[in-house]
Amino acid sequence: MIIVEVTFKIDPSLTEKKLREKFLETAPIYKETPGLIRKNYISDLKNNIAGGVYCFDNMLNAKKWFDEERIEWITNRYSKPTLKFYENFVVVDNESKRIIKD
């Protein structure tokens, strides 16, 4: 599995309520994202940072999703994002009480 950490600066005037609304507005997009296992929206309003943590099935799907067009879309909506890609070999899933090995 692949974890992608995406962060970007947000407008300091953006309230938690407005940011939640923006996140909920885009959430349906990710229901059909090829290879996406899970997306968590993240924020640090005190430091004007938001973003997402994505879990993909493989690097190909992760890189395909974060193409130039997607980066431009994020930039236009918020600001230029920083992306970090990580290999994810082991997951401890306490909901299912399983340890998942990739």
N, C-alpha and C. Protein backbone atom coordinates (compact mmCIF):
# COMPACT_ATOMS: atom_id res chain seq x y z
N MET A 1 0.83 -1.18 0.00
CA MET A 1 0.00 0.00 0.00
C MET A 1 0.88 1.25 0.00
N ILE A 2 0.28 2.34 -0.40
CA ILE A 2 0.97 3.62 -0.48
C ILE A 2 0.18 4.66 0.30
N ILE A 3 0.88 5.40 1.13
CA ILE A 3 0.27 6.52 1.85
C ILE A 3 0.77 7.81 1.19
N VAL A 4 -0.17 8.71 0.90
CA VAL A 4 0.20 10.01 0.35
C VAL A 4 -0.28 11.07 1.34
N GLU A 5 0.67 11.88 1.79
CA GLU A 5 0.36 12.98 2.69
C GLU A 5 0.36 14.26 1.85
N VAL A 6 -0.77 14.94 1.85
CA VAL A 6 -0.92 16.18 1.08
C VAL A 6 -1.24 17.30 2.05
N THR A 7 -0.44 18.35 2.03
CA THR A 7 -0.72 19.51 2.87
C THR A 7 -0.62 20.78 2.04
N PHE A 8 -1.37 21.78 2.48
CA PHE A 8 -1.35 23.08 1.81
C PHE A 8 -1.78 24.15 2.80
N LYS A 9 -1.36 25.37 2.54
CA LYS A 9 -1.75 26.51 3.35
C LYS A 9 -3.20 26.87 3.04
N ILE A 10 -3.93 27.29 4.05
CA ILE A 10 -5.30 27.75 3.86
C ILE A 10 -5.42 29.19 4.33
N ASP A 11 -6.42 29.87 3.84
CA ASP A 11 -6.69 31.25 4.19
C ASP A 11 -6.93 31.34 5.71
N PRO A 12 -6.25 32.25 6.39
CA PRO A 12 -6.43 32.38 7.84
C PRO A 12 -7.86 32.70 8.27
N SER A 13 -8.65 33.27 7.36
CA SER A 13 -10.03 33.61 7.70
C SER A 13 -10.98 32.41 7.59
N LEU A 14 -10.48 31.28 7.09
CA LEU A 14 -11.31 30.09 6.91
C LEU A 14 -11.63 29.48 8.28
N THR A 15 -12.91 29.42 8.61
CA THR A 15 -13.33 28.85 9.89
C THR A 15 -13.43 27.33 9.78
N GLU A 16 -13.50 26.67 10.94
CA GLU A 16 -13.66 25.21 10.95
C GLU A 16 -14.93 24.82 10.20
N LYS A 17 -16.01 25.54 10.42
CA LYS A 17 -17.28 25.24 9.74
C LYS A 17 -17.13 25.32 8.23
N LYS A 18 -16.51 26.38 7.74
CA LYS A 18 -16.33 26.55 6.28
C LYS A 18 -15.41 25.49 5.71
N LEU A 19 -14.34 25.15 6.44
CA LEU A 19 -13.42 24.13 5.96
C LEU A 19 -14.13 22.77 5.89
N ARG A 20 -14.91 22.45 6.90
CA ARG A 20 -15.70 21.21 6.88
C ARG A 20 -16.62 21.17 5.66
N GLU A 21 -17.26 22.30 5.39
CA GLU A 21 -18.16 22.38 4.22
C GLU A 21 -17.39 22.12 2.93
N LYS A 22 -16.20 22.71 2.81
CA LYS A 22 -15.38 22.51 1.61
C LYS A 22 -14.97 21.04 1.49
N PHE A 23 -14.60 20.43 2.61
CA PHE A 23 -14.22 19.01 2.60
C PHE A 23 -15.41 18.14 2.20
N LEU A 24 -16.57 18.39 2.80
CA LEU A 24 -17.76 17.59 2.48
C LEU A 24 -18.20 17.76 1.03
N GLU A 25 -17.97 18.94 0.49
CA GLU A 25 -18.30 19.21 -0.91
C GLU A 25 -17.50 18.31 -1.85
N THR A 26 -16.24 18.05 -1.51
CA THR A 26 -15.39 17.25 -2.39
C THR A 26 -15.39 15.76 -2.05
N ALA A 27 -15.87 15.39 -0.88
CA ALA A 27 -15.79 13.99 -0.44
C ALA A 27 -16.35 12.99 -1.46
N PRO A 28 -17.48 13.25 -2.11
CA PRO A 28 -18.01 12.26 -3.07
C PRO A 28 -17.06 11.93 -4.23
N ILE A 29 -16.17 12.84 -4.57
CA ILE A 29 -15.21 12.60 -5.65
C ILE A 29 -14.39 11.33 -5.37
N TYR A 30 -14.08 11.12 -4.11
CA TYR A 30 -13.15 10.05 -3.74
C TYR A 30 -13.80 8.67 -3.63
N LYS A 31 -15.11 8.61 -3.74
CA LYS A 31 -15.79 7.31 -3.68
C LYS A 31 -15.46 6.45 -4.89
N GLU A 32 -15.10 7.06 -6.00
CA GLU A 32 -14.82 6.34 -7.24
C GLU A 32 -13.36 6.46 -7.68
N THR A 33 -12.48 6.91 -6.80
CA THR A 33 -11.07 7.09 -7.15
C THR A 33 -10.40 5.72 -7.29
N PRO A 34 -9.86 5.40 -8.47
CA PRO A 34 -9.23 4.10 -8.68
C PRO A 34 -8.09 3.83 -7.69
N GLY A 35 -8.19 2.72 -6.99
CA GLY A 35 -7.14 2.29 -6.09
C GLY A 35 -7.14 2.94 -4.72
N LEU A 36 -8.02 3.91 -4.49
CA LEU A 36 -8.05 4.57 -3.19
C LEU A 36 -8.76 3.70 -2.17
N ILE A 37 -8.08 3.41 -1.09
CA ILE A 37 -8.65 2.60 -0.01
C ILE A 37 -9.33 3.50 1.01
N ARG A 38 -8.68 4.61 1.34
CA ARG A 38 -9.23 5.52 2.34
C ARG A 38 -8.60 6.89 2.17
N LYS A 39 -9.40 7.92 2.50
CA LYS A 39 -8.87 9.29 2.55
C LYS A 39 -9.32 9.90 3.86
N ASN A 40 -8.38 10.51 4.56
CA ASN A 40 -8.67 11.27 5.77
C ASN A 40 -8.37 12.73 5.48
N TYR A 41 -9.35 13.60 5.72
CA TYR A 41 -9.12 15.03 5.62
C TYR A 41 -8.47 15.49 6.92
N ILE A 42 -7.49 16.37 6.83
CA ILE A 42 -6.78 16.84 8.02
C ILE A 42 -6.73 18.37 8.04
N SER A 43 -6.61 18.93 9.24
CA SER A 43 -6.47 20.39 9.34
C SER A 43 -5.77 20.77 10.63
N ASP A 44 -5.11 21.90 10.56
CA ASP A 44 -4.47 22.54 11.70
C ASP A 44 -4.77 24.03 11.53
N LEU A 45 -5.95 24.42 11.98
CA LEU A 45 -6.40 25.79 11.76
C LEU A 45 -5.50 26.82 12.43
N LYS A 46 -4.91 26.45 13.55
CA LYS A 46 -4.03 27.37 14.27
C LYS A 46 -2.84 27.78 13.39
N ASN A 47 -2.37 26.85 12.57
CA ASN A 47 -1.22 27.12 11.70
C ASN A 47 -1.61 27.29 10.23
N ASN A 48 -2.92 27.38 9.96
CA ASN A 48 -3.44 27.60 8.61
C ASN A 48 -2.98 26.54 7.60
N ILE A 49 -3.07 25.28 8.03
CA ILE A 49 -2.68 24.16 7.18
C ILE A 49 -3.83 23.17 7.14
N ALA A 50 -4.05 22.61 5.97
CA ALA A 50 -5.04 21.54 5.80
C ALA A 50 -4.51 20.58 4.75
N GLY A 51 -5.27 19.53 4.50
CA GLY A 51 -4.86 18.56 3.49
C GLY A 51 -5.57 17.24 3.64
N GLY A 52 -4.86 16.19 3.24
CA GLY A 52 -5.43 14.86 3.32
C GLY A 52 -4.35 13.81 3.43
N VAL A 53 -4.75 12.67 4.00
CA VAL A 53 -3.90 11.50 4.05
C VAL A 53 -4.64 10.42 3.28
N TYR A 54 -4.01 9.93 2.23
CA TYR A 54 -4.63 8.98 1.31
C TYR A 54 -3.93 7.64 1.43
N CYS A 55 -4.70 6.57 1.37
CA CYS A 55 -4.14 5.23 1.32
C CYS A 55 -4.55 4.62 -0.02
N PHE A 56 -3.58 4.33 -0.86
CA PHE A 56 -3.81 3.73 -2.17
C PHE A 56 -3.31 2.29 -2.19
N ASP A 57 -3.84 1.52 -3.11
CA ASP A 57 -3.42 0.12 -3.24
C ASP A 57 -2.02 -0.02 -3.82
N ASN A 58 -1.61 0.93 -4.67
CA ASN A 58 -0.26 0.86 -5.26
C ASN A 58 0.20 2.25 -5.72
N MET A 59 1.48 2.35 -6.02
CA MET A 59 2.08 3.62 -6.41
C MET A 59 1.52 4.12 -7.75
N LEU A 60 1.26 3.23 -8.67
CA LEU A 60 0.74 3.64 -9.97
C LEU A 60 -0.57 4.40 -9.82
N ASN A 61 -1.50 3.87 -9.04
CA ASN A 61 -2.77 4.56 -8.84
C ASN A 61 -2.60 5.87 -8.09
N ALA A 62 -1.70 5.89 -7.13
CA ALA A 62 -1.44 7.13 -6.38
C ALA A 62 -0.88 8.21 -7.30
N LYS A 63 0.10 7.86 -8.11
CA LYS A 63 0.71 8.84 -9.02
C LYS A 63 -0.27 9.28 -10.12
N LYS A 64 -1.08 8.34 -10.59
CA LYS A 64 -2.09 8.70 -11.61
C LYS A 64 -3.08 9.71 -11.05
N TRP A 65 -3.48 9.51 -9.80
CA TRP A 65 -4.47 10.42 -9.21
C TRP A 65 -3.88 11.82 -9.04
N PHE A 66 -2.64 11.89 -8.57
CA PHE A 66 -2.00 13.18 -8.32
C PHE A 66 -1.20 13.63 -9.54
N ASP A 67 -1.90 13.75 -10.66
CA ASP A 67 -1.28 14.24 -11.88
C ASP A 67 -1.25 15.78 -11.86
N GLU A 68 -0.73 16.37 -12.91
CA GLU A 68 -0.63 17.84 -12.98
C GLU A 68 -1.98 18.52 -12.84
N GLU A 69 -3.00 17.94 -13.44
CA GLU A 69 -4.35 18.51 -13.38
C GLU A 69 -4.88 18.53 -11.94
N ARG A 70 -4.65 17.46 -11.19
CA ARG A 70 -5.11 17.39 -9.80
C ARG A 70 -4.36 18.41 -8.94
N ILE A 71 -3.05 18.54 -9.17
CA ILE A 71 -2.25 19.51 -8.41
C ILE A 71 -2.74 20.92 -8.70
N GLU A 72 -3.05 21.20 -9.95
CA GLU A 72 -3.56 22.52 -10.33
C GLU A 72 -4.91 22.78 -9.66
N TRP A 73 -5.77 21.76 -9.60
CA TRP A 73 -7.09 21.88 -8.98
C TRP A 73 -6.94 22.22 -7.49
N ILE A 74 -6.06 21.52 -6.79
CA ILE A 74 -5.82 21.78 -5.37
C ILE A 74 -5.26 23.20 -5.18
N THR A 75 -4.31 23.57 -6.04
CA THR A 75 -3.70 24.90 -5.97
C THR A 75 -4.74 25.99 -6.14
N ASN A 76 -5.63 25.82 -7.11
CA ASN A 76 -6.67 26.83 -7.36
C ASN A 76 -7.69 26.88 -6.23
N ARG A 77 -7.96 25.75 -5.61
CA ARG A 77 -8.97 25.68 -4.56
C ARG A 77 -8.42 26.19 -3.21
N TYR A 78 -7.17 25.90 -2.92
CA TYR A 78 -6.56 26.26 -1.63
C TYR A 78 -5.25 27.00 -1.83
N SER A 79 -4.20 26.24 -2.17
CA SER A 79 -2.86 26.79 -2.46
C SER A 79 -2.02 25.62 -2.96
N LYS A 80 -0.79 25.91 -3.36
CA LYS A 80 0.08 24.85 -3.90
C LYS A 80 0.35 23.80 -2.82
N PRO A 81 0.05 22.54 -3.12
CA PRO A 81 0.24 21.50 -2.11
C PRO A 81 1.65 20.94 -2.08
N THR A 82 1.97 20.36 -0.94
CA THR A 82 3.19 19.56 -0.78
C THR A 82 2.72 18.12 -0.67
N LEU A 83 3.32 17.23 -1.46
CA LEU A 83 2.96 15.81 -1.44
C LEU A 83 4.15 14.98 -1.00
N LYS A 84 3.87 13.99 -0.16
CA LYS A 84 4.89 13.02 0.26
C LYS A 84 4.29 11.64 0.07
N PHE A 85 5.05 10.76 -0.56
CA PHE A 85 4.62 9.39 -0.82
C PHE A 85 5.41 8.45 0.08
N TYR A 86 4.68 7.52 0.72
CA TYR A 86 5.30 6.56 1.64
C TYR A 86 4.85 5.14 1.31
N GLU A 87 5.74 4.19 1.44
CA GLU A 87 5.38 2.77 1.40
C GLU A 87 4.72 2.44 2.74
N ASN A 88 3.68 1.62 2.71
CA ASN A 88 2.97 1.23 3.92
C ASN A 88 2.89 -0.29 3.96
N PHE A 89 3.81 -0.92 4.69
CA PHE A 89 3.93 -2.38 4.69
C PHE A 89 3.02 -3.07 5.69
N VAL A 90 2.73 -2.40 6.80
CA VAL A 90 1.94 -3.03 7.86
C VAL A 90 0.93 -2.02 8.39
N VAL A 91 -0.31 -2.49 8.61
CA VAL A 91 -1.37 -1.67 9.18
C VAL A 91 -1.94 -2.40 10.39
N VAL A 92 -2.08 -1.70 11.49
CA VAL A 92 -2.79 -2.23 12.65
C VAL A 92 -4.20 -1.64 12.57
N ASP A 93 -5.19 -2.49 12.34
CA ASP A 93 -6.58 -2.06 12.19
C ASP A 93 -7.36 -2.52 13.42
N ASN A 94 -7.54 -1.62 14.36
CA ASN A 94 -8.22 -1.98 15.60
C ASN A 94 -9.73 -2.16 15.42
N GLU A 95 -10.31 -1.57 14.37
CA GLU A 95 -11.74 -1.78 14.12
C GLU A 95 -12.02 -3.24 13.77
N SER A 96 -11.19 -3.78 12.89
CA SER A 96 -11.39 -5.18 12.49
C SER A 96 -10.55 -6.14 13.33
N LYS A 97 -9.76 -5.57 14.24
CA LYS A 97 -8.87 -6.37 15.11
C LYS A 97 -7.90 -7.23 14.29
N ARG A 98 -7.34 -6.60 13.23
CA ARG A 98 -6.42 -7.31 12.35
C ARG A 98 -5.13 -6.53 12.19
N ILE A 99 -4.09 -7.27 11.87
CA ILE A 99 -2.84 -6.68 11.41
C ILE A 99 -2.75 -7.06 9.94
N ILE A 100 -2.66 -6.03 9.10
CA ILE A 100 -2.68 -6.23 7.65
C ILE A 100 -1.26 -6.03 7.12
N LYS A 101 -0.77 -7.02 6.38
CA LYS A 101 0.56 -6.94 5.77
C LYS A 101 0.36 -6.73 4.27
N ASP A 102 1.13 -5.81 3.73
CA ASP A 102 1.06 -5.56 2.29
C ASP A 102 1.95 -6.54 1.57
